[in-house]
N, C-alpha and C. Protein backbone atom coordinates (compact mmCIF):
# COMPACT_ATOMS: atom_id res chain seq x y z
N TRP A 1 201.49 14.53 31.43
CA TRP A 1 201.54 15.48 30.38
C TRP A 1 201.94 16.82 30.91
N ILE A 2 202.73 17.52 30.12
CA ILE A 2 203.11 18.85 30.47
C ILE A 2 202.68 19.77 29.29
N VAL A 3 201.98 20.87 29.60
CA VAL A 3 201.57 21.82 28.61
C VAL A 3 201.99 23.20 29.07
N GLY A 4 202.78 23.83 28.18
CA GLY A 4 203.23 25.20 28.56
C GLY A 4 204.01 25.25 29.88
N GLY A 5 204.74 24.15 30.20
CA GLY A 5 205.50 24.11 31.43
C GLY A 5 204.70 23.73 32.65
N GLU A 6 203.38 23.52 32.50
CA GLU A 6 202.51 23.15 33.62
C GLU A 6 202.00 21.72 33.43
N PRO A 7 201.92 20.97 34.49
CA PRO A 7 201.27 19.63 34.35
C PRO A 7 199.81 19.74 34.04
N VAL A 8 199.30 18.75 33.34
CA VAL A 8 197.84 18.69 33.06
C VAL A 8 197.24 17.57 33.91
N PRO A 9 196.28 17.76 34.78
CA PRO A 9 195.63 19.08 35.01
C PRO A 9 196.62 20.04 35.73
N PRO A 10 196.33 21.35 35.67
CA PRO A 10 197.23 22.36 36.21
C PRO A 10 197.53 22.16 37.68
N ALA A 11 198.73 22.36 38.05
CA ALA A 11 199.13 22.22 39.49
C ALA A 11 198.31 23.12 40.39
N GLY A 12 197.88 24.29 39.92
CA GLY A 12 197.09 25.21 40.71
C GLY A 12 195.65 24.87 40.79
N GLY A 13 195.23 23.75 40.21
CA GLY A 13 193.88 23.29 40.18
C GLY A 13 193.10 23.94 39.07
N TRP A 14 191.80 23.73 39.15
CA TRP A 14 190.88 24.28 38.14
C TRP A 14 189.64 24.82 38.89
N ALA A 15 188.69 25.32 38.08
CA ALA A 15 187.55 26.07 38.66
C ALA A 15 188.04 27.18 39.55
N LEU A 16 188.92 27.99 38.95
CA LEU A 16 189.52 29.11 39.64
C LEU A 16 188.49 30.15 40.14
N PRO A 17 188.82 30.82 41.20
CA PRO A 17 187.88 31.83 41.74
C PRO A 17 187.63 32.91 40.69
N GLU A 18 186.46 33.55 40.77
CA GLU A 18 186.11 34.57 39.83
C GLU A 18 187.13 35.75 39.80
N ASP A 19 187.74 36.04 40.95
CA ASP A 19 188.66 37.18 40.94
C ASP A 19 189.98 36.88 40.25
N GLU A 20 190.12 35.66 39.71
CA GLU A 20 191.31 35.34 38.89
C GLU A 20 191.08 35.84 37.46
N PHE A 21 189.91 36.35 37.17
CA PHE A 21 189.54 36.82 35.80
C PHE A 21 189.05 38.24 35.81
N SER A 22 189.38 38.98 34.81
CA SER A 22 188.78 40.31 34.58
C SER A 22 187.38 40.06 34.02
N HIS A 23 186.33 40.66 34.62
CA HIS A 23 184.99 40.41 34.17
C HIS A 23 184.07 41.53 34.57
N ARG A 24 182.96 41.69 33.86
CA ARG A 24 181.93 42.58 34.27
C ARG A 24 181.29 42.01 35.50
N ASP A 25 180.75 42.81 36.40
CA ASP A 25 180.12 42.33 37.63
C ASP A 25 179.09 41.23 37.28
N GLY A 26 179.22 40.06 37.80
CA GLY A 26 178.31 38.99 37.60
C GLY A 26 178.32 38.29 36.27
N ALA A 27 179.06 38.84 35.28
CA ALA A 27 179.07 38.28 33.93
C ALA A 27 180.24 37.27 33.80
N ILE A 28 180.19 36.25 34.60
CA ILE A 28 181.23 35.19 34.56
C ILE A 28 180.57 33.89 35.00
N THR A 29 181.04 32.81 34.42
CA THR A 29 180.56 31.49 34.87
C THR A 29 181.15 31.20 36.21
N GLN A 30 180.30 30.97 37.21
CA GLN A 30 180.76 30.76 38.59
C GLN A 30 181.70 29.56 38.64
N SER A 31 182.65 29.63 39.58
CA SER A 31 183.61 28.55 39.66
C SER A 31 183.04 27.18 39.89
N GLU A 32 181.94 27.10 40.66
CA GLU A 32 181.29 25.81 40.94
C GLU A 32 180.61 25.26 39.66
N VAL A 33 180.09 26.17 38.85
CA VAL A 33 179.48 25.76 37.59
C VAL A 33 180.58 25.32 36.61
N ARG A 34 181.68 26.08 36.61
CA ARG A 34 182.84 25.78 35.75
C ARG A 34 183.33 24.36 36.06
N ALA A 35 183.42 24.03 37.36
CA ALA A 35 183.94 22.73 37.74
C ALA A 35 183.15 21.61 37.15
N VAL A 36 181.84 21.68 37.14
CA VAL A 36 181.02 20.66 36.58
C VAL A 36 181.07 20.69 35.03
N ALA A 37 181.09 21.87 34.47
CA ALA A 37 181.19 22.02 33.04
C ALA A 37 182.47 21.43 32.50
N LEU A 38 183.59 21.71 33.21
CA LEU A 38 184.88 21.11 32.80
C LEU A 38 184.84 19.59 32.80
N ALA A 39 184.19 19.04 33.84
CA ALA A 39 184.11 17.55 33.92
C ALA A 39 183.32 17.01 32.74
N LYS A 40 182.29 17.73 32.28
CA LYS A 40 181.48 17.26 31.16
C LYS A 40 182.18 17.53 29.86
N LEU A 41 182.95 18.60 29.72
CA LEU A 41 183.61 18.92 28.43
C LEU A 41 184.87 18.03 28.20
N ALA A 42 185.51 17.61 29.28
CA ALA A 42 186.73 16.74 29.21
C ALA A 42 187.84 17.34 28.36
N PRO A 43 188.21 18.63 28.62
CA PRO A 43 189.33 19.26 27.85
C PRO A 43 190.64 18.59 28.21
N ARG A 44 191.47 18.36 27.18
CA ARG A 44 192.74 17.73 27.37
C ARG A 44 193.59 17.92 26.11
N PRO A 45 194.89 17.63 26.16
CA PRO A 45 195.70 17.80 24.97
C PRO A 45 195.15 16.93 23.85
N GLY A 46 195.16 17.51 22.66
CA GLY A 46 194.66 16.78 21.47
C GLY A 46 193.17 17.01 21.23
N THR A 47 192.50 17.80 22.00
CA THR A 47 191.10 18.09 21.77
C THR A 47 190.89 19.58 21.42
N LEU A 48 189.83 19.85 20.69
CA LEU A 48 189.42 21.21 20.39
C LEU A 48 188.15 21.51 21.06
N VAL A 49 188.08 22.63 21.85
CA VAL A 49 186.87 23.09 22.51
C VAL A 49 186.49 24.42 21.94
N TRP A 50 185.20 24.56 21.69
CA TRP A 50 184.60 25.84 21.36
C TRP A 50 183.97 26.39 22.62
N ASP A 51 184.18 27.65 22.92
CA ASP A 51 183.46 28.35 23.99
C ASP A 51 182.60 29.42 23.32
N VAL A 52 181.34 29.14 23.19
CA VAL A 52 180.44 29.95 22.41
C VAL A 52 179.61 30.90 23.31
N GLY A 53 179.70 32.21 22.98
CA GLY A 53 179.13 33.15 23.90
C GLY A 53 180.04 33.24 25.09
N ALA A 54 181.33 33.33 24.80
CA ALA A 54 182.41 33.15 25.79
C ALA A 54 182.49 34.21 26.87
N GLY A 55 181.95 35.37 26.64
CA GLY A 55 182.02 36.40 27.68
C GLY A 55 183.47 36.71 27.94
N CYS A 56 183.85 36.74 29.22
CA CYS A 56 185.25 37.06 29.62
C CYS A 56 186.22 35.89 29.41
N GLY A 57 185.68 34.73 29.03
CA GLY A 57 186.49 33.61 28.67
C GLY A 57 186.95 32.69 29.79
N SER A 58 186.28 32.71 30.95
CA SER A 58 186.73 31.87 32.04
C SER A 58 186.73 30.40 31.71
N VAL A 59 185.71 29.91 30.97
CA VAL A 59 185.68 28.50 30.53
C VAL A 59 186.76 28.24 29.52
N ALA A 60 186.91 29.14 28.54
CA ALA A 60 187.93 28.99 27.49
C ALA A 60 189.32 28.90 28.12
N VAL A 61 189.60 29.82 29.04
CA VAL A 61 190.91 29.82 29.70
C VAL A 61 191.15 28.52 30.49
N GLU A 62 190.12 28.06 31.21
CA GLU A 62 190.29 26.82 32.03
C GLU A 62 190.53 25.65 31.10
N CYS A 63 189.82 25.57 29.96
CA CYS A 63 190.04 24.46 29.03
C CYS A 63 191.47 24.50 28.47
N ALA A 64 191.97 25.69 28.13
CA ALA A 64 193.30 25.86 27.61
C ALA A 64 194.34 25.49 28.65
N ARG A 65 194.05 25.79 29.93
CA ARG A 65 194.96 25.46 31.02
C ARG A 65 195.12 23.96 31.16
N MET A 66 194.08 23.19 30.69
CA MET A 66 194.14 21.75 30.72
C MET A 66 194.70 21.15 29.45
N GLY A 67 195.21 21.98 28.54
CA GLY A 67 195.92 21.52 27.38
C GLY A 67 195.12 21.43 26.11
N ALA A 68 193.80 21.75 26.17
CA ALA A 68 193.00 21.74 24.93
C ALA A 68 193.28 22.95 24.08
N ALA A 69 193.10 22.77 22.76
CA ALA A 69 193.07 23.90 21.84
C ALA A 69 191.67 24.50 22.03
N VAL A 70 191.57 25.86 22.00
CA VAL A 70 190.27 26.50 22.32
C VAL A 70 190.02 27.62 21.32
N ILE A 71 188.80 27.61 20.85
CA ILE A 71 188.28 28.79 20.07
C ILE A 71 187.11 29.37 20.83
N ALA A 72 187.26 30.63 21.17
CA ALA A 72 186.23 31.35 21.91
C ALA A 72 185.51 32.30 20.96
N VAL A 73 184.19 32.20 20.94
CA VAL A 73 183.36 33.01 20.07
C VAL A 73 182.56 34.01 20.92
N GLU A 74 182.74 35.29 20.56
CA GLU A 74 182.07 36.35 21.39
C GLU A 74 181.70 37.46 20.48
N SER A 75 180.46 38.00 20.64
CA SER A 75 179.97 39.11 19.81
C SER A 75 180.25 40.48 20.43
N ASP A 76 180.48 40.53 21.68
CA ASP A 76 180.67 41.82 22.41
C ASP A 76 182.19 42.19 22.39
N GLU A 77 182.53 43.30 21.75
CA GLU A 77 183.92 43.68 21.64
C GLU A 77 184.61 43.84 23.00
N ALA A 78 183.91 44.44 23.93
CA ALA A 78 184.55 44.70 25.28
C ALA A 78 184.79 43.36 25.98
N GLN A 79 183.89 42.40 25.80
CA GLN A 79 184.13 41.09 26.41
C GLN A 79 185.30 40.37 25.69
N ALA A 80 185.38 40.50 24.39
CA ALA A 80 186.49 39.88 23.64
C ALA A 80 187.80 40.39 24.10
N VAL A 81 187.88 41.70 24.42
CA VAL A 81 189.11 42.30 24.95
C VAL A 81 189.44 41.70 26.32
N ARG A 82 188.42 41.55 27.17
CA ARG A 82 188.60 40.90 28.48
C ARG A 82 189.15 39.49 28.30
N LEU A 83 188.57 38.79 27.34
CA LEU A 83 188.94 37.41 27.09
C LEU A 83 190.42 37.31 26.75
N VAL A 84 190.89 38.16 25.85
CA VAL A 84 192.32 38.17 25.44
C VAL A 84 193.18 38.51 26.72
N THR A 85 192.74 39.46 27.51
CA THR A 85 193.42 39.85 28.68
C THR A 85 193.54 38.65 29.67
N ASN A 86 192.41 37.90 29.84
CA ASN A 86 192.43 36.80 30.76
C ASN A 86 193.30 35.64 30.23
N ALA A 87 193.26 35.35 28.92
CA ALA A 87 194.14 34.33 28.38
C ALA A 87 195.58 34.66 28.60
N THR A 88 195.98 35.94 28.33
CA THR A 88 197.34 36.40 28.49
C THR A 88 197.75 36.28 29.94
N HIS A 89 196.90 36.71 30.81
CA HIS A 89 197.20 36.67 32.28
C HIS A 89 197.46 35.24 32.77
N HIS A 90 196.76 34.27 32.16
CA HIS A 90 196.95 32.89 32.61
C HIS A 90 197.94 32.11 31.74
N GLY A 91 198.53 32.82 30.73
CA GLY A 91 199.61 32.24 29.89
C GLY A 91 199.14 31.13 28.96
N VAL A 92 197.88 31.27 28.45
CA VAL A 92 197.39 30.24 27.51
C VAL A 92 197.01 30.91 26.17
N ASP A 93 196.93 30.06 25.17
CA ASP A 93 196.49 30.52 23.88
C ASP A 93 195.02 30.19 23.69
N VAL A 94 194.28 31.19 23.35
CA VAL A 94 192.86 30.99 23.03
C VAL A 94 192.61 31.83 21.75
N ARG A 95 192.14 31.14 20.71
CA ARG A 95 191.78 31.85 19.47
C ARG A 95 190.42 32.50 19.67
N VAL A 96 190.34 33.79 19.49
CA VAL A 96 189.16 34.55 19.63
C VAL A 96 188.53 34.88 18.30
N GLU A 97 187.24 34.48 18.14
CA GLU A 97 186.50 34.83 16.95
C GLU A 97 185.39 35.81 17.37
N GLU A 98 185.48 36.99 16.87
CA GLU A 98 184.47 38.01 17.24
C GLU A 98 183.44 38.05 16.09
N GLY A 99 182.15 37.92 16.52
CA GLY A 99 181.12 37.97 15.49
C GLY A 99 179.78 37.48 16.08
N GLU A 100 178.74 37.76 15.29
CA GLU A 100 177.39 37.36 15.70
C GLU A 100 177.14 35.88 15.48
N MET A 101 176.58 35.26 16.48
CA MET A 101 176.31 33.82 16.40
C MET A 101 174.84 33.61 15.86
N PRO A 102 174.57 32.56 15.21
CA PRO A 102 175.43 31.42 14.91
C PRO A 102 176.35 31.57 13.67
N ARG A 103 176.17 32.72 12.97
CA ARG A 103 176.94 32.90 11.71
C ARG A 103 178.45 32.75 11.95
N ALA A 104 178.96 33.21 13.11
CA ALA A 104 180.39 33.18 13.39
C ALA A 104 180.96 31.73 13.55
N LEU A 105 180.05 30.76 13.67
CA LEU A 105 180.45 29.38 13.88
C LEU A 105 180.69 28.62 12.57
N ARG A 106 180.23 29.17 11.46
CA ARG A 106 180.15 28.40 10.18
C ARG A 106 181.45 27.87 9.70
N ASP A 107 182.53 28.60 9.75
CA ASP A 107 183.77 28.19 9.13
C ASP A 107 184.83 27.70 10.11
N LEU A 108 184.39 27.40 11.37
CA LEU A 108 185.30 26.96 12.35
C LEU A 108 185.61 25.48 12.20
N PRO A 109 186.77 24.98 12.59
CA PRO A 109 187.06 23.54 12.51
C PRO A 109 186.12 22.80 13.48
N ARG A 110 185.90 21.51 13.14
CA ARG A 110 185.02 20.65 13.97
C ARG A 110 185.55 20.47 15.33
N PRO A 111 184.77 20.82 16.38
CA PRO A 111 185.24 20.71 17.78
C PRO A 111 184.99 19.27 18.33
N ASP A 112 185.69 18.95 19.39
CA ASP A 112 185.46 17.79 20.17
C ASP A 112 184.40 18.02 21.21
N SER A 113 184.39 19.27 21.78
CA SER A 113 183.51 19.66 22.86
C SER A 113 183.09 21.14 22.64
N ILE A 114 181.86 21.44 23.04
CA ILE A 114 181.37 22.83 22.94
C ILE A 114 180.73 23.22 24.24
N PHE A 115 181.13 24.41 24.73
CA PHE A 115 180.42 25.03 25.88
C PHE A 115 179.66 26.20 25.34
N VAL A 116 178.32 26.28 25.64
CA VAL A 116 177.50 27.40 25.22
C VAL A 116 177.21 28.20 26.50
N GLY A 117 177.81 29.35 26.57
CA GLY A 117 177.61 30.22 27.74
C GLY A 117 176.49 31.20 27.56
N SER A 118 176.14 31.56 26.32
CA SER A 118 175.05 32.42 26.02
C SER A 118 174.63 32.23 24.58
N GLY A 119 173.44 32.63 24.25
CA GLY A 119 172.95 32.54 22.91
C GLY A 119 171.55 31.88 22.98
N GLY A 120 170.79 32.10 21.92
CA GLY A 120 169.43 31.55 21.87
C GLY A 120 169.36 30.18 21.33
N SER A 121 168.17 29.73 20.98
CA SER A 121 167.90 28.40 20.50
C SER A 121 168.61 28.16 19.19
N ASP A 122 168.72 29.26 18.30
CA ASP A 122 169.44 29.09 17.08
C ASP A 122 170.95 28.76 17.27
N VAL A 123 171.49 29.34 18.30
CA VAL A 123 172.91 29.05 18.59
C VAL A 123 173.08 27.61 19.14
N VAL A 124 172.21 27.21 20.01
CA VAL A 124 172.25 25.82 20.54
C VAL A 124 172.07 24.84 19.38
N ALA A 125 171.12 25.12 18.50
CA ALA A 125 170.89 24.23 17.37
C ALA A 125 172.11 24.14 16.49
N ALA A 126 172.78 25.26 16.20
CA ALA A 126 173.97 25.28 15.38
C ALA A 126 175.11 24.48 16.08
N CYS A 127 175.22 24.61 17.35
CA CYS A 127 176.26 23.88 18.09
C CYS A 127 175.92 22.38 18.10
N ALA A 128 174.63 22.05 18.23
CA ALA A 128 174.24 20.64 18.21
C ALA A 128 174.60 19.95 16.95
N HIS A 129 174.69 20.68 15.85
CA HIS A 129 174.96 20.11 14.54
C HIS A 129 176.40 20.34 14.07
N ALA A 130 177.30 20.74 15.00
CA ALA A 130 178.68 21.02 14.62
C ALA A 130 179.58 19.80 14.63
N GLY A 131 179.10 18.68 15.11
CA GLY A 131 179.91 17.47 15.11
C GLY A 131 180.66 17.14 16.34
N ALA A 132 180.43 17.85 17.42
CA ALA A 132 181.18 17.62 18.64
C ALA A 132 180.61 16.35 19.37
N THR A 133 181.54 15.71 20.07
CA THR A 133 181.14 14.56 20.89
C THR A 133 180.38 15.00 22.15
N ARG A 134 180.71 16.19 22.69
CA ARG A 134 180.10 16.71 23.95
C ARG A 134 179.63 18.14 23.70
N VAL A 135 178.46 18.46 24.20
CA VAL A 135 177.96 19.85 24.18
C VAL A 135 177.41 20.12 25.55
N VAL A 136 177.82 21.22 26.17
CA VAL A 136 177.31 21.62 27.53
C VAL A 136 176.79 23.04 27.40
N VAL A 137 175.51 23.23 27.83
CA VAL A 137 174.88 24.54 27.70
C VAL A 137 174.51 25.03 29.11
N ALA A 138 174.92 26.22 29.45
CA ALA A 138 174.63 26.82 30.79
C ALA A 138 173.39 27.70 30.58
N LEU A 139 172.39 27.52 31.44
CA LEU A 139 171.17 28.27 31.33
C LEU A 139 170.73 28.81 32.68
N ALA A 140 170.38 30.07 32.67
CA ALA A 140 169.79 30.72 33.86
C ALA A 140 168.28 30.71 33.77
N ALA A 141 167.70 30.67 32.60
CA ALA A 141 166.26 30.71 32.43
C ALA A 141 165.73 29.30 32.25
N LEU A 142 164.79 28.94 33.10
CA LEU A 142 164.23 27.54 33.08
C LEU A 142 163.45 27.30 31.79
N ASP A 143 162.85 28.27 31.16
CA ASP A 143 162.07 28.03 29.94
C ASP A 143 162.96 27.68 28.77
N ARG A 144 164.25 27.75 28.88
CA ARG A 144 165.17 27.34 27.81
C ARG A 144 165.64 25.90 27.91
N VAL A 145 165.35 25.27 29.11
CA VAL A 145 165.83 23.89 29.33
C VAL A 145 165.22 22.93 28.29
N GLY A 146 163.88 22.96 28.12
CA GLY A 146 163.21 22.04 27.22
C GLY A 146 163.65 22.17 25.78
N PRO A 147 163.66 23.39 25.21
CA PRO A 147 164.14 23.56 23.85
C PRO A 147 165.63 23.16 23.66
N THR A 148 166.43 23.40 24.68
CA THR A 148 167.87 22.98 24.62
C THR A 148 167.97 21.47 24.58
N ARG A 149 167.24 20.81 25.50
CA ARG A 149 167.23 19.37 25.56
C ARG A 149 166.76 18.80 24.20
N ASP A 150 165.69 19.36 23.65
CA ASP A 150 165.14 18.89 22.42
C ASP A 150 166.12 19.07 21.23
N ALA A 151 166.79 20.20 21.17
CA ALA A 151 167.76 20.46 20.11
C ALA A 151 168.91 19.43 20.15
N LEU A 152 169.39 19.18 21.35
CA LEU A 152 170.48 18.16 21.46
C LEU A 152 169.94 16.72 21.15
N ARG A 153 168.79 16.36 21.60
CA ARG A 153 168.21 15.06 21.29
C ARG A 153 168.03 14.89 19.81
N SER A 154 167.49 15.93 19.14
CA SER A 154 167.21 15.82 17.75
C SER A 154 168.50 15.65 16.93
N ALA A 155 169.59 16.12 17.43
CA ALA A 155 170.93 15.95 16.78
C ALA A 155 171.61 14.63 17.14
N GLY A 156 170.94 13.82 17.89
CA GLY A 156 171.49 12.45 18.21
C GLY A 156 172.25 12.35 19.53
N TYR A 157 172.13 13.36 20.44
CA TYR A 157 172.81 13.30 21.68
C TYR A 157 172.03 12.59 22.77
N GLU A 158 172.74 11.89 23.66
CA GLU A 158 172.18 11.46 24.89
C GLU A 158 172.22 12.72 25.80
N VAL A 159 171.12 13.03 26.49
CA VAL A 159 171.04 14.32 27.24
C VAL A 159 170.79 14.08 28.70
N GLU A 160 171.48 14.90 29.46
CA GLU A 160 171.24 14.97 30.92
C GLU A 160 171.33 16.40 31.35
N GLY A 161 170.85 16.68 32.55
CA GLY A 161 170.89 17.98 33.08
C GLY A 161 171.08 18.00 34.58
N VAL A 162 171.65 19.11 35.06
CA VAL A 162 171.81 19.25 36.52
C VAL A 162 171.63 20.75 36.86
N GLN A 163 170.95 21.00 37.96
CA GLN A 163 170.87 22.36 38.47
C GLN A 163 171.93 22.55 39.50
N ILE A 164 172.70 23.60 39.40
CA ILE A 164 173.78 23.87 40.36
C ILE A 164 173.44 25.14 41.11
N SER A 165 173.43 25.00 42.42
CA SER A 165 173.15 26.12 43.26
C SER A 165 174.14 26.06 44.44
N ALA A 166 175.02 26.95 44.43
CA ALA A 166 176.09 27.00 45.45
C ALA A 166 175.77 28.04 46.53
N ASN A 167 176.15 27.72 47.74
CA ASN A 167 176.03 28.67 48.83
C ASN A 167 177.47 28.78 49.42
N ARG A 168 178.02 29.96 49.36
CA ARG A 168 179.39 30.14 49.83
C ARG A 168 179.38 30.79 51.21
N LEU A 169 180.39 30.40 52.03
CA LEU A 169 180.51 31.04 53.35
C LEU A 169 180.88 32.53 53.18
N ALA A 170 180.20 33.36 53.92
CA ALA A 170 180.45 34.79 53.90
C ALA A 170 180.57 35.22 55.39
N GLU A 171 181.56 36.11 55.65
CA GLU A 171 181.74 36.57 57.00
C GLU A 171 180.85 37.74 57.33
N LEU A 172 180.24 37.67 58.49
CA LEU A 172 179.43 38.74 59.01
C LEU A 172 180.30 39.79 59.74
N PRO A 173 179.83 40.99 59.97
CA PRO A 173 180.65 41.99 60.65
C PRO A 173 181.16 41.55 62.03
N ASP A 174 180.44 40.75 62.74
CA ASP A 174 180.87 40.25 64.08
C ASP A 174 181.80 39.06 64.00
N GLY A 175 182.21 38.64 62.79
CA GLY A 175 183.11 37.52 62.64
C GLY A 175 182.40 36.20 62.46
N ALA A 176 181.12 36.10 62.65
CA ALA A 176 180.38 34.91 62.43
C ALA A 176 180.25 34.65 60.91
N SER A 177 179.83 33.46 60.54
CA SER A 177 179.67 33.11 59.16
C SER A 177 178.18 32.92 58.79
N ARG A 178 177.86 33.18 57.57
CA ARG A 178 176.56 32.84 57.06
C ARG A 178 176.74 32.33 55.62
N LEU A 179 175.66 31.78 55.06
CA LEU A 179 175.75 31.32 53.70
C LEU A 179 175.24 32.37 52.76
N ASP A 180 175.98 32.62 51.67
CA ASP A 180 175.63 33.59 50.67
C ASP A 180 175.32 32.81 49.38
N ALA A 181 174.04 32.86 48.98
CA ALA A 181 173.60 32.07 47.83
C ALA A 181 173.96 32.70 46.49
N ALA A 182 174.49 31.93 45.60
CA ALA A 182 174.79 32.32 44.22
C ALA A 182 173.52 31.98 43.37
N ASP A 183 173.37 32.67 42.27
CA ASP A 183 172.27 32.38 41.39
C ASP A 183 172.34 30.96 40.85
N PRO A 184 171.26 30.20 40.86
CA PRO A 184 171.31 28.83 40.32
C PRO A 184 171.44 28.82 38.79
N VAL A 185 172.12 27.79 38.27
CA VAL A 185 172.34 27.62 36.87
C VAL A 185 172.00 26.15 36.50
N VAL A 186 171.37 25.95 35.38
CA VAL A 186 171.12 24.59 34.89
C VAL A 186 172.11 24.31 33.78
N LEU A 187 172.85 23.23 33.90
CA LEU A 187 173.74 22.73 32.84
C LEU A 187 173.00 21.58 32.16
N VAL A 188 172.75 21.77 30.88
CA VAL A 188 172.20 20.69 30.01
C VAL A 188 173.33 20.21 29.17
N SER A 189 173.64 18.92 29.24
CA SER A 189 174.77 18.43 28.51
C SER A 189 174.34 17.18 27.64
N GLY A 190 174.97 17.16 26.49
CA GLY A 190 174.73 16.03 25.58
C GLY A 190 176.05 15.37 25.16
N TRP A 191 176.01 14.05 24.93
CA TRP A 191 177.21 13.37 24.50
C TRP A 191 176.78 12.31 23.48
N LYS A 192 177.74 12.02 22.58
CA LYS A 192 177.55 10.97 21.62
C LYS A 192 178.66 9.94 21.77
N LYS A 193 178.33 8.72 21.59
CA LYS A 193 179.33 7.67 21.64
C LYS A 193 180.25 7.82 20.45
N GLN A 194 181.52 7.58 20.64
CA GLN A 194 182.49 7.73 19.51
C GLN A 194 182.54 6.41 18.71
């Protein structure tokens, strides 16, 4: 498959480094987390992905680079501007819906996959009932894992979760290397048989 002149998956790979995106310090889904989320979302030509609480849009852009149609929902105007900038920089189309969630989700077309990057239990519940085959929720707070799992289960999803904690090599002043720990993230994912 070729999308926008690029093979799918993209020749440059996926789970791009954070510096490939304009973002607020730390307000981006880490590349290691994105790699796993992309595997769970399965973006490809002919699918529609929602990126809810999209922030700077790193997940939305990566899904679009793999040929999926993407709707990114973001309530912060500055982040929505970053999202548009990032989509343009990577040469992909991402439809941006600016508004408060879950209300902003009401009139969107039914997605195949949903990534929830931020939002409370009401947002997760709305996404769980949107009709997607796959839902992936990124959580930094452990107390949100149980309610997220329960919301997905009550909507008929098979649920699994994984905690991702990456340690990247960092160079010390003397040229030696050490490990630099990134903040851990829990991905709770649900899927329904088609």
